[in-house]
C-alpha cells in the first residue's frame, strides 16, 4: 500500500513539476527549480529514495567503532559507548520518518533532527578523543577516511540545505582539526591533512552528483512538458479535422439535396 501510494504521488509530483517549468530551457544558469512546490516535492522524493543508503552509512559507522573497540579495547571502547548511541539514534529517527505518510514533513523534520545530531556527534567526538589516549591501527584510519569521503555525499542524499550542509561541514572541520592524533605512526599535521583531504574529496563528489541529479530531473521534466505540449497540439489538430469533416459532410448533404431538387425526375410534369 505504501509503495503504491508513493508511486502514484511520484507521478503527480512529476506532472506538477512539468507544469511549473513551462517552456524554459532545461539547462538554466541556476539548478534550482522554478517552482517552490516542485522543489520541495523533488527534495522529499530524494530523501525518501535514499532510505537504504542512510541506514547503510549509519550502520557502517557503528561497525567501524565496534571494530575499533575490538582492536584497541581501552580507547575505542570508550568512544564506541559514547558515540554509538548517537548513530543508533540516527537510525531510529530515519526508520520512523520513512513510515510517515507526509513525505515533505518527514524530509523537513528529518534533516533538522539529523543536522542537530550530526553537529552533536562531531563535538562529542572531539571531546572523546581528548579524554582517552587512542592509538588505533592504520586499518581504522582507512575506514575512517572512507567515511569522511562519503560524509558530504550522505549530507547531499539526506537533502540537507546548503546552510545546514555548510554548518555541519564547518563543525566537522573544526572537530577534526581540534582532535588529537589517534592513529599509530602519524603526526598531527599528517592526521589533519588526511582527514581534511578526504572531506574535500567527498564534497567535490557530492556537488557533482547533486548537479547531475538535478540536470537529469530537469531533462525528464522537460521531456514531460514537451510530451504534454505535443498531446495538446494533437488534440487541437484532431478537433480542427473533426470540424472540417463535419463541414464537408454537411456540404455533401446539401449538394445531394440540391442535385435531387434540380434533376428532371424531381421536376413537376409539363402541362
Protein backbone atom coordinates (compact mmCIF):
# COMPACT_ATOMS: atom_id res chain seq x y z
CA UNK A 1 0.00 0.00 0.00
CA UNK A 2 2.78 2.42 0.96
CA UNK A 3 4.80 1.78 -2.22
CA UNK A 4 1.69 2.07 -4.41
CA UNK A 5 0.75 5.40 -2.84
CA UNK A 6 4.33 6.63 -3.18
CA UNK A 7 4.46 5.65 -6.86
CA UNK A 8 1.17 7.41 -7.57
CA UNK A 9 2.27 10.53 -5.72
CA UNK A 10 5.54 10.50 -7.65
CA UNK A 11 3.64 10.71 -10.94
CA UNK A 12 1.55 13.60 -9.65
CA UNK A 13 4.67 15.40 -8.43
CA UNK A 14 6.43 14.98 -11.76
CA UNK A 15 3.38 16.32 -13.59
CA UNK A 16 3.26 19.30 -11.24
CA UNK A 17 6.96 19.90 -11.75
CA UNK A 18 6.46 19.72 -15.53
CA UNK A 19 3.71 22.31 -15.33
CA UNK A 20 5.96 24.60 -13.30
CA UNK A 21 8.69 24.63 -15.93
CA UNK A 22 6.67 25.94 -18.84
CA UNK A 23 8.82 26.31 -21.94
CA UNK A 24 12.01 27.17 -20.08
CA UNK A 25 15.26 25.66 -21.26
CA UNK A 26 16.36 22.71 -19.15
CA UNK A 27 19.97 23.80 -18.58
CA UNK A 28 19.38 27.10 -16.83
CA UNK A 29 22.03 29.13 -15.06
CA UNK A 30 20.58 28.10 -11.70
CA UNK A 31 19.94 24.48 -10.80
CA UNK A 32 17.01 25.43 -8.56
CA UNK A 33 13.51 24.55 -9.69
CA UNK A 34 11.36 27.38 -10.98
CA UNK A 35 8.51 26.47 -8.63
CA UNK A 36 8.91 26.14 -4.86
CA UNK A 37 6.35 23.33 -4.55
CA UNK A 38 8.10 21.34 -7.27
CA UNK A 39 11.42 21.89 -5.47
CA UNK A 40 10.02 20.68 -2.15
CA UNK A 41 8.40 17.64 -3.73
CA UNK A 42 11.59 16.71 -5.55
CA UNK A 43 13.68 17.08 -2.38
CA UNK A 44 11.18 14.97 -0.40
CA UNK A 45 11.32 12.28 -3.08
CA UNK A 46 15.14 12.24 -2.96
CA UNK A 47 15.07 11.96 0.84
CA UNK A 48 12.71 9.01 0.76
CA UNK A 49 14.57 7.27 -2.06
CA UNK A 50 17.86 7.36 -0.12
CA UNK A 51 16.42 5.46 2.85
CA UNK A 52 18.60 2.36 2.41
CA UNK A 53 21.75 4.43 1.89
CA UNK A 54 21.07 6.36 5.09
CA UNK A 55 20.77 3.14 7.07
CA UNK A 56 23.85 1.59 5.47
CA UNK A 57 26.01 4.61 6.27
CA UNK A 58 24.95 4.86 9.91
CA UNK A 59 25.30 1.09 10.32
CA UNK A 60 28.80 1.17 8.80
CA UNK A 61 29.86 3.76 11.39
CA UNK A 62 28.58 1.51 14.17
CA UNK A 63 30.58 -1.37 12.68
CA UNK A 64 33.69 0.80 12.42
CA UNK A 65 33.57 1.77 16.10
CA UNK A 66 32.84 -1.83 17.09
CA UNK A 67 35.89 -2.98 15.10
CA UNK A 68 37.96 -0.25 16.72
CA UNK A 69 36.83 -1.39 20.15
CA UNK A 70 38.00 -4.93 19.37
CA UNK A 71 41.37 -3.82 18.01
CA UNK A 72 42.00 -1.14 20.64
CA UNK A 73 39.82 -2.08 23.57
CA UNK A 74 40.85 0.62 26.04
CA UNK A 75 40.37 3.69 23.87
CA UNK A 76 37.82 2.77 21.24
CA UNK A 77 35.54 1.01 23.69
CA UNK A 78 35.01 4.33 25.44
CA UNK A 79 34.42 6.03 22.06
CA UNK A 80 32.01 3.30 20.99
CA UNK A 81 29.97 3.52 24.18
CA UNK A 82 29.85 7.31 23.90
CA UNK A 83 29.19 7.81 20.19
CA UNK A 84 27.46 4.54 19.35
CA UNK A 85 24.08 5.55 20.85
CA UNK A 86 24.13 8.69 18.67
CA UNK A 87 24.48 6.63 15.48
CA UNK A 88 21.78 4.27 16.73
CA UNK A 89 19.56 7.30 17.35
CA UNK A 90 20.05 8.45 13.74
CA UNK A 91 18.95 5.00 12.55
CA UNK A 92 15.84 5.06 14.76
CA UNK A 93 14.92 8.56 13.55
CA UNK A 94 15.36 7.58 9.92
CA UNK A 95 13.27 4.42 10.22
CA UNK A 96 10.47 6.32 11.94
CA UNK A 97 10.42 9.08 9.33
CA UNK A 98 10.38 6.56 6.48
CA UNK A 99 6.96 5.35 7.63
CA UNK A 100 5.45 8.84 7.70
CA UNK A 101 2.63 9.43 5.20
CA UNK A 102 3.67 13.07 4.63
CA UNK A 103 6.96 12.89 2.72
CA UNK A 104 7.59 16.65 2.75
CA UNK A 105 7.08 16.83 6.52
CA UNK A 106 9.33 13.80 7.04
CA UNK A 107 12.07 15.40 4.96
CA UNK A 108 11.92 18.74 6.80
CA UNK A 109 11.88 17.20 10.28
CA UNK A 110 14.41 14.53 9.35
CA UNK A 111 17.02 16.92 8.00
CA UNK A 112 16.73 19.22 11.03
CA UNK A 113 17.00 16.38 13.52
CA UNK A 114 19.90 14.71 11.72
CA UNK A 115 21.66 18.05 11.31
CA UNK A 116 21.46 18.62 15.08
CA UNK A 117 22.57 15.05 15.83
CA UNK A 118 25.48 15.25 13.37
CA UNK A 119 26.72 18.51 14.89
CA UNK A 120 26.49 16.95 18.36
CA UNK A 121 28.40 13.85 17.23
CA UNK A 122 31.27 15.91 15.84
CA UNK A 123 31.57 17.97 19.02
CA UNK A 124 31.37 14.83 21.17
CA UNK A 125 33.98 13.05 19.03
CA UNK A 126 36.48 15.85 19.58
CA UNK A 127 35.80 15.63 23.33
CA UNK A 128 36.02 11.82 23.37
CA UNK A 129 39.38 11.69 21.61
CA UNK A 130 40.76 14.17 24.15
CA UNK A 131 39.56 12.09 27.12
CA UNK A 132 41.33 8.81 26.40
CA UNK A 133 44.60 8.07 24.60
CA UNK A 134 43.73 6.11 21.48
CA UNK A 135 46.25 4.55 19.15
CA UNK A 136 44.18 2.79 16.52
CA UNK A 137 45.81 0.84 13.68
CA UNK A 138 46.02 2.22 10.15
CA UNK A 139 43.11 -0.07 9.16
CA UNK A 140 40.76 2.05 11.27
CA UNK A 141 42.16 5.21 9.70
CA UNK A 142 41.38 3.75 6.26
CA UNK A 143 37.79 3.02 7.30
CA UNK A 144 37.51 6.48 8.84
CA UNK A 145 38.88 8.16 5.69
CA UNK A 146 36.34 6.31 3.55
CA UNK A 147 33.61 7.51 5.91
CA UNK A 148 34.94 11.08 5.58
CA UNK A 149 34.79 10.86 1.77
CA UNK A 150 31.25 9.52 1.93
CA UNK A 151 30.08 12.02 4.56
CA UNK A 152 29.40 15.02 2.24
CA UNK A 153 27.65 12.66 -0.18
CA UNK A 154 25.48 11.43 2.68
CA UNK A 155 24.67 15.03 3.58
CA UNK A 156 23.62 15.55 -0.02
CA UNK A 157 21.35 12.49 -0.17
CA UNK A 158 19.95 13.46 3.25
CA UNK A 159 18.81 16.59 1.37
CA UNK A 160 20.43 18.99 3.83
CA UNK A 161 20.05 22.60 2.73
CA UNK A 162 23.18 24.49 1.74
CA UNK A 163 23.13 26.32 5.08
CA UNK A 164 22.76 23.08 7.06
CA UNK A 165 25.44 21.37 4.99
CA UNK A 166 27.86 24.27 5.38
CA UNK A 167 27.29 24.44 9.14
CA UNK A 168 27.81 20.71 9.68
CA UNK A 169 30.90 20.57 7.45
CA UNK A 170 32.37 23.59 9.27
CA UNK A 171 31.82 21.84 12.61
CA UNK A 172 33.36 18.66 11.16
CA UNK A 173 36.44 20.58 10.02
CA UNK A 174 36.78 22.27 13.42
CA UNK A 175 36.35 18.98 15.29
CA UNK A 176 38.85 17.19 13.04
CA UNK A 177 41.39 19.96 13.47
CA UNK A 178 40.92 20.04 17.24
CA UNK A 179 41.10 16.26 17.69
CA UNK A 180 44.43 14.76 18.75
CA UNK A 181 46.11 12.08 16.68
CA UNK A 182 44.53 8.70 17.43
CA UNK A 183 46.34 6.66 14.75
CA UNK A 184 49.68 4.96 15.26
CA UNK A 185 52.67 6.34 13.37
CA UNK A 186 51.13 9.66 12.26
CA UNK A 187 51.89 13.24 13.18
CA UNK A 188 49.20 15.82 13.91
CA UNK A 189 49.73 17.53 10.55
CA UNK A 190 49.52 14.25 8.61
CA UNK A 191 46.40 13.25 10.51
CA UNK A 192 44.60 16.54 9.86
CA UNK A 193 45.71 16.67 6.21
CA UNK A 194 44.50 13.12 5.56
CA UNK A 195 41.05 13.71 7.06
CA UNK A 196 40.51 17.14 5.51
CA UNK A 197 41.61 15.86 2.09
CA UNK A 198 39.08 13.05 2.37
CA UNK A 199 36.38 15.53 3.39
CA UNK A 200 37.23 17.86 0.49
CA UNK A 201 37.18 14.97 -2.00
CA UNK A 202 33.76 13.92 -0.76
CA UNK A 203 32.48 17.50 -1.03
CA UNK A 204 33.53 17.68 -4.69
CA UNK A 205 31.88 14.34 -5.45
CA UNK A 206 28.70 15.43 -3.66
CA UNK A 207 28.50 18.65 -5.67
CA UNK A 208 28.93 16.81 -8.97
CA UNK A 209 26.37 14.16 -8.04
CA UNK A 210 23.79 16.73 -7.00
CA UNK A 211 24.34 18.70 -10.19
CA UNK A 212 23.91 15.57 -12.33
CA UNK A 213 20.78 14.53 -10.42
CA UNK A 214 19.15 17.93 -10.82
CA UNK A 215 20.02 18.20 -14.50
CA UNK A 216 18.66 14.70 -15.08
CA UNK A 217 15.43 15.61 -13.30
CA UNK A 218 15.14 18.82 -15.29
CA UNK A 219 15.62 16.94 -18.56
CA UNK A 220 12.98 14.43 -17.52
CA UNK A 221 10.57 17.24 -16.66
CA UNK A 222 11.33 18.99 -19.96
CA UNK A 223 10.52 15.75 -21.80
CA UNK A 224 7.23 15.50 -19.90
CA UNK A 225 6.45 19.11 -20.74
CA UNK A 226 7.22 18.52 -24.43
CA UNK A 227 5.00 15.44 -24.40
CA UNK A 228 2.15 17.44 -22.88
CA UNK A 229 2.55 20.18 -25.49
CA UNK A 230 2.60 17.58 -28.28
CA UNK A 231 -0.53 15.93 -26.89
CA UNK A 232 -2.26 19.32 -26.69
CA UNK A 233 -1.26 20.10 -30.29
CA UNK A 234 -2.54 16.71 -31.46
CA UNK A 235 -5.80 17.26 -29.62
CA UNK A 236 -6.23 20.68 -31.27
CA UNK A 237 -5.45 19.20 -34.70
CA UNK A 238 -7.96 16.40 -34.17
CA UNK A 239 -10.58 18.94 -33.15
CA UNK A 240 -9.94 21.02 -36.30
CA UNK A 241 -10.06 17.94 -38.53
CA UNK A 242 -13.29 16.79 -36.90
CA UNK A 243 -14.90 20.18 -37.55
CA UNK A 244 -13.73 20.10 -41.17
CA UNK A 245 -15.15 16.61 -41.66
CA UNK A 246 -18.48 17.76 -40.24
CA UNK A 247 -18.49 20.74 -42.61
CA UNK A 248 -17.62 18.51 -45.58
CA UNK A 249 -20.39 16.05 -44.67
CA UNK A 250 -22.83 18.93 -44.34
CA UNK A 251 -21.74 20.33 -47.73
CA UNK A 252 -22.12 16.90 -49.36
CA UNK A 253 -25.61 16.55 -47.91
CA UNK A 254 -26.64 19.99 -49.16
CA UNK A 255 -25.17 19.27 -52.59
CA UNK A 256 -27.01 15.96 -52.83
CA UNK A 257 -30.30 17.60 -51.91
CA UNK A 258 -29.69 20.39 -54.41
CA UNK A 259 -28.93 17.86 -57.18
CA UNK A 260 -32.03 15.88 -56.32
CA UNK A 261 -34.12 19.04 -56.45
CA UNK A 262 -32.71 20.08 -59.82
CA UNK A 263 -32.87 16.65 -61.52
CA UNK A 264 -35.67 16.01 -64.18
CA UNK A 265 -37.11 13.16 -62.15
CA UNK A 266 -37.71 15.50 -59.30
CA UNK A 267 -39.36 18.19 -61.55
CA UNK A 268 -43.17 18.57 -61.91
CA UNK A 269 -44.75 17.10 -65.18
CA UNK A 270 -45.32 19.59 -68.01
CA UNK A 271 -48.94 20.69 -68.87
